[in-house]
N, C-alpha and C. Protein backbone atom coordinates (compact mmCIF):
# COMPACT_ATOMS: atom_id res chain seq x y z
N UNK A 1 -29.67 43.24 -3.59
CA UNK A 1 -28.31 43.37 -3.64
C UNK A 1 -27.77 44.42 -4.58
N UNK A 2 -26.82 45.06 -4.30
CA UNK A 2 -25.99 45.86 -4.87
C UNK A 2 -24.95 45.06 -5.99
N UNK A 3 -24.13 45.77 -7.00
CA UNK A 3 -23.10 45.05 -7.84
C UNK A 3 -22.12 44.45 -7.13
N UNK A 4 -21.48 44.85 -5.71
CA UNK A 4 -20.58 44.65 -5.15
C UNK A 4 -20.81 43.17 -4.59
N UNK A 5 -22.01 43.05 -4.01
CA UNK A 5 -22.55 42.26 -3.33
C UNK A 5 -22.55 40.80 -4.22
N UNK A 6 -23.12 41.01 -5.35
CA UNK A 6 -23.53 39.91 -6.39
C UNK A 6 -22.06 39.44 -6.94
N UNK A 7 -21.11 40.47 -6.86
CA UNK A 7 -19.69 39.89 -7.25
C UNK A 7 -19.22 39.15 -6.29
N UNK A 8 -19.18 39.35 -4.93
CA UNK A 8 -18.94 38.97 -3.80
C UNK A 8 -19.27 37.58 -3.72
N UNK A 9 -20.91 37.30 -4.06
CA UNK A 9 -21.33 36.16 -4.00
C UNK A 9 -20.86 35.03 -5.01
N UNK A 10 -20.82 35.57 -6.15
CA UNK A 10 -20.26 34.88 -7.26
C UNK A 10 -18.91 34.37 -7.12
N UNK A 11 -18.25 35.29 -6.66
CA UNK A 11 -16.58 34.71 -6.38
C UNK A 11 -16.76 33.74 -4.93
N UNK A 12 -17.40 33.85 -3.92
CA UNK A 12 -17.56 32.96 -2.92
C UNK A 12 -18.13 31.64 -3.44
N UNK A 13 -19.17 31.59 -4.41
CA UNK A 13 -19.62 30.31 -5.03
C UNK A 13 -18.75 29.64 -5.65
N UNK A 14 -17.90 30.31 -6.58
CA UNK A 14 -16.80 29.73 -7.32
C UNK A 14 -15.93 29.31 -6.37
N UNK A 15 -15.34 29.72 -5.41
CA UNK A 15 -14.37 29.42 -4.32
C UNK A 15 -14.88 28.23 -3.55
N UNK A 16 -16.35 28.05 -3.55
CA UNK A 16 -16.74 26.75 -2.78
C UNK A 16 -16.76 25.51 -3.89
N UNK A 17 -17.02 26.13 -4.97
CA UNK A 17 -17.36 24.96 -6.12
C UNK A 17 -15.91 24.32 -6.18
N UNK A 18 -15.10 25.25 -6.41
CA UNK A 18 -13.23 24.65 -6.32
C UNK A 18 -13.05 24.01 -5.21
N UNK A 19 -13.03 24.53 -4.07
CA UNK A 19 -12.82 23.88 -3.24
C UNK A 19 -13.67 22.05 -3.04
N UNK A 20 -14.63 22.10 -3.23
CA UNK A 20 -15.30 20.98 -3.18
C UNK A 20 -14.77 20.16 -4.29
N UNK A 21 -14.75 20.72 -5.66
CA UNK A 21 -14.16 19.58 -6.48
C UNK A 21 -12.31 18.90 -6.28
N UNK A 22 -11.81 19.76 -5.36
CA UNK A 22 -10.49 19.53 -5.08
C UNK A 22 -10.84 18.45 -4.06
N UNK A 23 -11.54 18.56 -3.12
CA UNK A 23 -11.83 17.45 -2.37
C UNK A 23 -12.22 16.25 -2.70
N UNK A 24 -12.96 16.32 -3.66
CA UNK A 24 -13.45 14.94 -4.39
C UNK A 24 -12.52 14.34 -5.10
N UNK A 25 -11.70 15.14 -6.04
CA UNK A 25 -10.61 14.62 -6.63
C UNK A 25 -9.42 13.60 -5.50
N UNK A 26 -9.20 14.48 -4.42
CA UNK A 26 -8.48 14.15 -3.62
C UNK A 26 -8.72 12.70 -2.58
N UNK A 27 -9.98 12.43 -2.68
CA UNK A 27 -10.61 11.67 -2.17
C UNK A 27 -10.66 10.59 -2.81
N UNK A 28 -10.94 10.69 -3.92
CA UNK A 28 -11.06 9.74 -5.19
C UNK A 28 -9.51 9.09 -5.28
N UNK A 29 -8.45 9.70 -5.32
CA UNK A 29 -7.18 9.21 -5.53
C UNK A 29 -6.52 9.06 -4.32
N UNK A 30 -7.25 9.13 -3.30
CA UNK A 30 -6.31 8.74 -2.28
C UNK A 30 -5.15 7.19 -2.31
N UNK A 31 -5.97 6.27 -2.80
CA UNK A 31 -5.02 5.01 -2.93
C UNK A 31 -4.09 5.48 -3.99
N UNK A 32 -4.31 6.25 -4.80
CA UNK A 32 -3.44 5.99 -6.31
C UNK A 32 -2.37 7.17 -5.81
N UNK A 33 -2.41 8.33 -5.30
CA UNK A 33 -1.47 9.34 -5.32
C UNK A 33 -0.25 8.57 -4.07
N UNK A 34 0.46 7.98 -4.58
CA UNK A 34 1.40 7.28 -3.70
C UNK A 34 2.71 7.12 -4.79
N UNK A 35 3.89 7.34 -4.55
CA UNK A 35 5.15 7.40 -5.22
C UNK A 35 5.36 6.18 -5.54
N UNK A 36 5.32 4.84 -4.45
CA UNK A 36 5.63 3.55 -4.68
C UNK A 36 4.87 2.86 -3.42
N UNK A 37 4.79 1.48 -3.88
CA UNK A 37 4.17 0.84 -2.60
C UNK A 37 5.40 -0.28 -2.07
N UNK A 38 5.31 -0.49 -1.18
CA UNK A 38 6.34 -1.47 -0.43
C UNK A 38 5.91 -2.84 -0.65
N UNK A 39 6.97 -3.68 -0.89
CA UNK A 39 6.42 -5.33 -0.71
C UNK A 39 5.25 -5.65 -0.02
N UNK A 40 5.42 -5.19 1.42
CA UNK A 40 4.46 -5.52 2.16
C UNK A 40 3.01 -4.66 1.68
N UNK A 41 2.71 -4.01 1.11
CA UNK A 41 1.58 -3.29 0.82
C UNK A 41 1.03 -4.05 -0.48
N UNK A 42 1.94 -4.47 -1.34
CA UNK A 42 1.62 -4.93 -2.74
C UNK A 42 0.85 -6.27 -2.19
N UNK A 43 1.47 -7.38 -1.37
CA UNK A 43 0.97 -8.46 -1.19
C UNK A 43 -0.23 -8.28 -0.17
N UNK A 44 -0.37 -7.17 0.41
CA UNK A 44 -1.78 -6.92 1.49
C UNK A 44 -2.83 -6.55 0.67
N UNK A 45 -2.75 -5.61 -0.10
CA UNK A 45 -3.68 -5.25 -0.73
C UNK A 45 -4.33 -6.06 -1.95
N UNK A 46 -5.48 -6.76 -2.39
CA UNK A 46 -5.97 -7.19 -3.39
C UNK A 46 -6.09 -6.20 -4.73
N UNK A 47 -5.21 -6.52 -5.73
CA UNK A 47 -5.08 -5.87 -7.05
C UNK A 47 -5.81 -6.25 -8.03
N UNK A 48 -6.55 -5.79 -8.64
CA UNK A 48 -7.04 -6.19 -10.00
C UNK A 48 -5.98 -6.44 -10.97
N UNK A 49 -6.36 -7.71 -11.81
CA UNK A 49 -5.49 -8.05 -12.99
C UNK A 49 -4.90 -6.94 -13.58
N UNK A 50 -3.96 -6.92 -14.03
CA UNK A 50 -3.64 -5.96 -15.06
C UNK A 50 -3.37 -4.47 -14.24
N UNK A 51 -3.48 -4.19 -13.08
CA UNK A 51 -3.06 -2.98 -12.59
C UNK A 51 -2.07 -2.28 -12.26
N UNK A 52 -1.46 -1.54 -12.78
CA UNK A 52 -0.17 -1.11 -13.00
C UNK A 52 0.24 -0.14 -11.53
N UNK A 53 1.31 -0.95 -10.94
CA UNK A 53 2.01 -0.58 -9.68
C UNK A 53 3.23 -0.15 -9.81
N UNK A 54 3.93 0.54 -8.80
CA UNK A 54 4.97 1.01 -8.59
C UNK A 54 5.79 0.22 -7.36
N UNK A 55 6.43 -0.64 -7.54
CA UNK A 55 7.05 -1.38 -6.36
C UNK A 55 8.28 -0.85 -5.73
N UNK A 56 8.57 -0.57 -4.60
CA UNK A 56 9.91 0.22 -3.95
C UNK A 56 10.44 -0.70 -3.06
N UNK A 57 11.86 -0.64 -3.04
CA UNK A 57 12.32 -1.07 -1.68
C UNK A 57 14.04 -1.72 -2.11
N UNK A 58 14.49 -2.27 -1.32
CA UNK A 58 15.95 -2.72 -1.39
C UNK A 58 16.06 -4.30 -2.10
N UNK A 59 16.83 -4.26 -3.05
CA UNK A 59 17.41 -5.55 -3.85
C UNK A 59 17.83 -6.36 -2.72
N UNK A 60 17.35 -7.54 -2.77
CA UNK A 60 17.54 -8.65 -1.63
C UNK A 60 19.29 -9.00 -2.26
N UNK A 61 19.76 -9.22 -0.89
CA UNK A 61 21.22 -9.74 -1.09
C UNK A 61 21.00 -11.10 -1.83
N UNK A 62 21.92 -11.54 -2.78
CA UNK A 62 22.02 -12.66 -3.35
C UNK A 62 20.77 -13.35 -4.16
N UNK A 63 19.92 -12.12 -4.61
CA UNK A 63 18.80 -12.71 -5.10
C UNK A 63 18.86 -12.39 -6.81
N UNK A 64 19.89 -11.75 -7.17
CA UNK A 64 20.02 -11.68 -8.56
C UNK A 64 20.14 -12.53 -9.47
N UNK A 65 19.07 -13.08 -10.25
CA UNK A 65 19.47 -14.26 -11.29
C UNK A 65 19.35 -13.70 -12.71
N UNK A 66 20.52 -14.03 -13.60
CA UNK A 66 20.47 -13.46 -14.84
C UNK A 66 19.96 -14.61 -15.74
N UNK A 67 19.02 -14.52 -16.79
CA UNK A 67 18.63 -15.46 -17.56
C UNK A 67 19.10 -15.00 -19.13
N UNK A 68 18.31 -15.79 -20.04
CA UNK A 68 18.83 -15.62 -21.57
C UNK A 68 18.04 -14.31 -21.69
N UNK A 69 18.57 -13.57 -22.94
CA UNK A 69 17.69 -12.56 -23.65
C UNK A 69 17.47 -11.24 -22.47
N UNK A 70 18.68 -11.30 -21.80
CA UNK A 70 18.78 -10.28 -20.76
C UNK A 70 17.54 -10.06 -19.89
N UNK A 71 16.92 -11.38 -19.35
CA UNK A 71 15.86 -11.42 -18.57
C UNK A 71 16.63 -11.52 -17.19
N UNK A 72 16.05 -10.70 -16.21
CA UNK A 72 16.87 -10.77 -14.91
C UNK A 72 15.51 -11.11 -13.86
N UNK A 73 16.09 -11.73 -12.78
CA UNK A 73 14.48 -12.00 -11.60
C UNK A 73 15.71 -11.62 -10.52
N UNK A 74 14.78 -10.90 -9.57
CA UNK A 74 15.54 -10.50 -8.16
C UNK A 74 14.48 -10.41 -7.16
N UNK A 75 14.67 -10.15 -5.78
CA UNK A 75 13.73 -10.14 -4.75
C UNK A 75 14.11 -8.61 -4.34
N UNK A 76 12.82 -7.96 -4.25
CA UNK A 76 12.59 -6.40 -3.81
C UNK A 76 12.11 -6.74 -2.51
N UNK A 77 12.68 -6.05 -1.14
CA UNK A 77 12.30 -6.31 0.06
C UNK A 77 12.01 -4.88 0.59
N UNK A 78 11.43 -4.85 1.88
CA UNK A 78 11.17 -4.05 2.74
C UNK A 78 11.93 -4.73 4.21
N UNK A 79 12.47 -5.67 4.21
CA UNK A 79 12.82 -6.50 5.37
C UNK A 79 11.46 -6.95 6.22
N UNK A 80 10.28 -6.70 5.84
CA UNK A 80 9.50 -7.60 6.66
C UNK A 80 8.70 -8.45 5.14
N UNK A 81 8.85 -8.02 4.11
CA UNK A 81 8.15 -8.91 3.26
C UNK A 81 9.15 -8.85 1.69
N UNK A 82 9.26 -9.70 0.83
CA UNK A 82 10.02 -9.83 -0.38
C UNK A 82 8.99 -10.13 -1.26
N UNK A 83 9.38 -9.59 -2.42
CA UNK A 83 8.50 -9.77 -3.93
C UNK A 83 9.36 -10.12 -5.07
N UNK A 84 9.22 -11.38 -5.50
CA UNK A 84 9.71 -11.71 -6.83
C UNK A 84 9.65 -10.88 -7.89
N UNK A 85 10.82 -10.07 -8.55
CA UNK A 85 10.48 -9.15 -9.93
C UNK A 85 11.14 -9.98 -11.22
N UNK A 86 10.39 -9.80 -12.11
CA UNK A 86 11.10 -10.32 -12.98
C UNK A 86 11.21 -9.11 -14.14
N UNK A 87 12.46 -8.84 -15.00
CA UNK A 87 12.31 -7.87 -15.72
C UNK A 87 13.11 -8.32 -16.99
N UNK A 88 12.61 -7.40 -18.01
CA UNK A 88 13.66 -8.15 -19.38
C UNK A 88 14.02 -6.90 -20.19
N UNK A 89 15.49 -6.68 -19.81
CA UNK A 89 15.96 -5.40 -20.70
C UNK A 89 17.16 -4.92 -19.89
N UNK A 90 17.63 -3.66 -20.23
CA UNK A 90 19.02 -3.29 -19.54
C UNK A 90 18.72 -2.90 -18.40
N UNK A 91 19.49 -3.41 -17.44
CA UNK A 91 19.43 -2.68 -16.05
C UNK A 91 19.95 -1.58 -15.79
N UNK A 92 19.59 -0.31 -15.00
CA UNK A 92 20.55 1.02 -14.60
C UNK A 92 21.62 0.40 -14.02
N UNK A 93 22.82 1.16 -14.56
CA UNK A 93 24.36 0.99 -14.24
C UNK A 93 24.34 0.88 -12.65
N UNK A 94 23.59 1.59 -11.83
CA UNK A 94 23.79 1.94 -10.26
C UNK A 94 22.93 0.69 -9.83
N UNK A 95 22.07 -0.20 -10.57
CA UNK A 95 21.35 -1.44 -9.98
C UNK A 95 22.37 -2.27 -9.59
N UNK A 96 22.21 -3.02 -8.18
CA UNK A 96 23.07 -3.74 -7.66
C UNK A 96 22.65 -3.99 -6.19
N UNK A 97 22.64 -5.67 -5.62
CA UNK A 97 22.07 -5.69 -4.35
C UNK A 97 22.11 -5.13 -3.36
N UNK A 98 21.10 -4.93 -2.49
CA UNK A 98 21.30 -4.02 -1.21
C UNK A 98 21.01 -2.55 -1.48
N UNK A 99 20.89 -2.32 -2.31
CA UNK A 99 20.22 -0.79 -2.78
C UNK A 99 19.02 -0.46 -3.06
N UNK A 100 18.72 0.76 -2.87
CA UNK A 100 17.38 1.26 -3.37
C UNK A 100 16.91 1.00 -4.76
N UNK A 101 15.72 0.70 -5.03
CA UNK A 101 14.89 0.42 -6.38
C UNK A 101 13.60 0.67 -6.58
N UNK A 102 13.20 1.31 -7.45
CA UNK A 102 11.73 1.25 -7.63
C UNK A 102 11.30 0.77 -9.10
N UNK A 103 10.68 -0.19 -9.32
CA UNK A 103 10.10 -0.73 -10.26
C UNK A 103 8.74 -0.52 -10.66
N UNK A 104 8.40 -0.68 -12.00
CA UNK A 104 7.09 -0.28 -12.22
C UNK A 104 6.65 -1.45 -13.27
N UNK A 105 5.35 -1.84 -12.92
CA UNK A 105 4.87 -2.88 -13.76
C UNK A 105 3.24 -3.56 -13.45
N UNK A 106 3.38 -4.97 -13.28
CA UNK A 106 2.25 -5.24 -13.12
C UNK A 106 2.38 -6.61 -12.02
N UNK A 107 1.44 -6.47 -10.91
CA UNK A 107 1.62 -7.91 -10.13
C UNK A 107 0.88 -8.83 -10.45
N UNK A 108 1.31 -10.11 -10.74
CA UNK A 108 0.61 -11.00 -10.73
C UNK A 108 0.28 -12.12 -9.63
N UNK A 109 -0.61 -11.89 -8.89
CA UNK A 109 -0.93 -12.74 -7.40
C UNK A 109 -0.77 -14.18 -7.74
N UNK A 110 -1.29 -14.80 -9.04
CA UNK A 110 -1.30 -16.11 -9.19
C UNK A 110 0.03 -16.86 -9.25
N UNK A 111 1.14 -15.95 -9.76
CA UNK A 111 2.40 -16.50 -9.62
C UNK A 111 3.50 -15.86 -8.58
N UNK A 112 2.78 -14.97 -7.89
CA UNK A 112 3.23 -14.34 -6.85
C UNK A 112 4.79 -13.35 -7.33
N UNK A 113 4.67 -13.08 -8.66
CA UNK A 113 5.79 -12.51 -9.43
C UNK A 113 5.33 -10.89 -9.79
N UNK A 114 6.09 -9.98 -9.62
CA UNK A 114 5.92 -8.58 -10.15
C UNK A 114 6.59 -8.69 -11.54
N UNK A 115 5.92 -8.62 -12.55
CA UNK A 115 6.17 -8.22 -14.16
C UNK A 115 6.80 -6.67 -14.34
N UNK A 116 8.04 -6.35 -14.12
CA UNK A 116 8.35 -4.97 -14.52
C UNK A 116 8.77 -4.69 -15.56
N UNK A 117 8.35 -3.44 -16.32
CA UNK A 117 8.71 -3.13 -17.58
C UNK A 117 9.46 -1.91 -17.50
N UNK A 118 9.72 -1.19 -15.97
CA UNK A 118 11.00 -0.57 -15.81
C UNK A 118 11.71 -0.30 -14.55
N UNK A 119 12.70 -0.16 -14.38
CA UNK A 119 13.49 -0.24 -13.21
C UNK A 119 14.44 1.05 -13.11
N UNK A 120 14.20 1.52 -11.71
CA UNK A 120 14.64 2.73 -11.47
C UNK A 120 15.78 2.56 -10.81
N UNK A 121 17.02 2.98 -10.75
CA UNK A 121 18.01 2.67 -9.31
C UNK A 121 18.10 4.11 -8.73
N UNK A 122 18.68 4.29 -7.62
CA UNK A 122 18.99 5.13 -6.99
C UNK A 122 20.09 5.80 -7.36
N UNK A 123 20.18 7.13 -7.54
CA UNK A 123 21.34 8.16 -8.30
C UNK A 123 22.48 8.44 -7.55
N UNK A 124 22.79 7.89 -6.60
CA UNK A 124 24.17 7.98 -5.29
C UNK A 124 24.07 7.01 -4.48
N UNK A 125 25.36 7.19 -3.67
CA UNK A 125 25.74 6.45 -2.64
C UNK A 125 24.57 6.67 -1.18
N UNK A 126 24.30 7.65 -1.04
CA UNK A 126 23.74 8.18 0.09
C UNK A 126 21.83 8.21 0.02
N UNK A 127 21.38 8.38 -1.40
CA UNK A 127 20.04 8.69 -1.52
C UNK A 127 19.35 7.19 -1.21
N UNK A 128 18.30 7.41 -0.62
CA UNK A 128 17.01 6.47 -0.32
C UNK A 128 15.79 7.04 -0.29
N UNK A 129 14.98 6.33 -1.26
CA UNK A 129 13.66 7.25 -1.17
C UNK A 129 13.14 7.30 0.33
N UNK A 130 12.51 8.43 0.50
CA UNK A 130 12.13 8.71 2.28
C UNK A 130 11.04 7.54 2.61
N UNK A 131 10.10 6.96 1.84
CA UNK A 131 9.35 6.14 2.16
C UNK A 131 10.10 4.80 2.88
N UNK A 132 11.14 4.42 2.08
CA UNK A 132 11.91 3.12 2.20
C UNK A 132 12.72 3.37 3.59
N UNK A 133 13.33 4.77 3.84
CA UNK A 133 14.22 5.00 4.82
C UNK A 133 13.09 5.17 6.24
N UNK A 134 12.11 5.73 5.97
CA UNK A 134 11.22 5.49 6.91
C UNK A 134 10.66 4.19 7.63
N UNK A 135 10.30 3.28 6.57
CA UNK A 135 10.24 2.04 6.69
C UNK A 135 11.36 1.26 7.53
N UNK A 136 12.54 1.72 7.25
CA UNK A 136 13.61 0.94 7.77
C UNK A 136 13.96 1.40 8.95
N UNK A 137 13.75 2.97 9.14
CA UNK A 137 13.85 3.25 10.62
C UNK A 137 13.03 2.71 11.53
N UNK A 138 11.62 2.63 10.87
CA UNK A 138 10.69 2.01 11.70
C UNK A 138 10.54 0.51 12.37
N UNK A 139 11.48 -0.14 11.36
CA UNK A 139 11.60 -1.56 11.96
C UNK A 139 12.97 -1.51 12.78
N UNK A 140 13.53 -0.60 13.03
CA UNK A 140 14.77 -0.36 13.56
C UNK A 140 15.96 -0.97 12.87
N UNK A 141 15.88 -1.11 11.52
CA UNK A 141 17.34 -1.71 10.81
C UNK A 141 18.15 -0.64 10.53
N UNK A 142 17.58 0.91 10.49
CA UNK A 142 18.42 1.74 10.06
C UNK A 142 18.11 2.92 11.08
N UNK A 143 19.24 3.03 11.75
CA UNK A 143 19.14 4.43 12.60
C UNK A 143 19.75 5.68 11.89
N UNK A 144 19.13 7.13 12.38
CA UNK A 144 19.48 8.21 11.79
C UNK A 144 21.23 8.37 12.17
N UNK A 145 21.95 8.67 10.97
CA UNK A 145 23.53 8.84 11.35
C UNK A 145 24.01 7.64 11.06
N UNK A 146 23.59 6.47 10.99
CA UNK A 146 24.44 5.39 10.60
C UNK A 146 24.32 5.51 8.97
N UNK A 147 25.10 4.83 8.11
CA UNK A 147 24.98 4.85 6.78
C UNK A 147 23.86 4.11 6.21
N UNK A 148 22.96 4.42 5.32
CA UNK A 148 22.15 3.30 4.91
C UNK A 148 22.60 2.23 4.43
N UNK A 149 21.63 1.24 4.55
CA UNK A 149 21.96 -0.31 4.08
C UNK A 149 22.84 -0.30 2.87
N UNK A 150 23.76 -1.34 2.85
CA UNK A 150 24.55 -0.87 1.27
C UNK A 150 25.49 -0.13 1.12
N UNK A 151 25.55 0.76 1.77
CA UNK A 151 26.44 1.93 1.69
C UNK A 151 27.85 1.58 3.13
N UNK A 152 29.02 1.50 2.51
CA UNK A 152 29.99 1.46 3.52
C UNK A 152 30.55 2.56 4.33
N UNK A 153 31.26 2.59 5.14
CA UNK A 153 31.84 3.76 5.90
C UNK A 153 32.42 4.59 5.04
N UNK A 154 33.29 3.67 4.45
CA UNK A 154 34.20 4.61 3.54
C UNK A 154 33.55 5.55 2.41
N UNK A 155 32.47 5.05 1.69
CA UNK A 155 31.58 5.77 0.64
C UNK A 155 31.14 7.02 1.51
N UNK A 156 30.51 7.15 2.43
CA UNK A 156 30.21 7.90 3.50
C UNK A 156 30.89 8.84 3.91
N UNK A 157 32.44 8.58 4.16
CA UNK A 157 33.32 9.50 4.38
C UNK A 157 34.13 10.26 3.40
N UNK A 158 33.78 9.75 2.02
CA UNK A 158 34.31 10.54 1.09
C UNK A 158 33.66 11.82 0.67
N UNK A 159 32.53 12.32 1.13
CA UNK A 159 31.65 13.27 0.87
C UNK A 159 32.26 14.29 1.71
């Protein structure tokens, strides 16, 4: 084997090693590489106690209840299932019923409650996470061209 063939062999072996490592990482993290889980996903999959999860969906109409010391409970829904969320802190200004939200925290299956430590609200009237929009379209709740749930026709005409 001459020098050129040795170099090509080393480069090819290095490329195969990197491809194998990337395949192992993506296989191991397949369940974890998700922007958020829908309420249906959170209720369906068995979670280890203390596992951090992102829960996303729509804030259910009429579900926001404010308690003492800035404690808030509300329901997050994907129109198939709902999960009760408990959060203590200041909510984002754009947080309201019928709007998209992503929460981060720990789900307690015994209580059936999601204990959130972070709440992220959508940033304008037309934004909705792709996964939520796809889930709503699949269930026939939202058709492309219609305003997203929670957005009035007047809001969409202002653009």
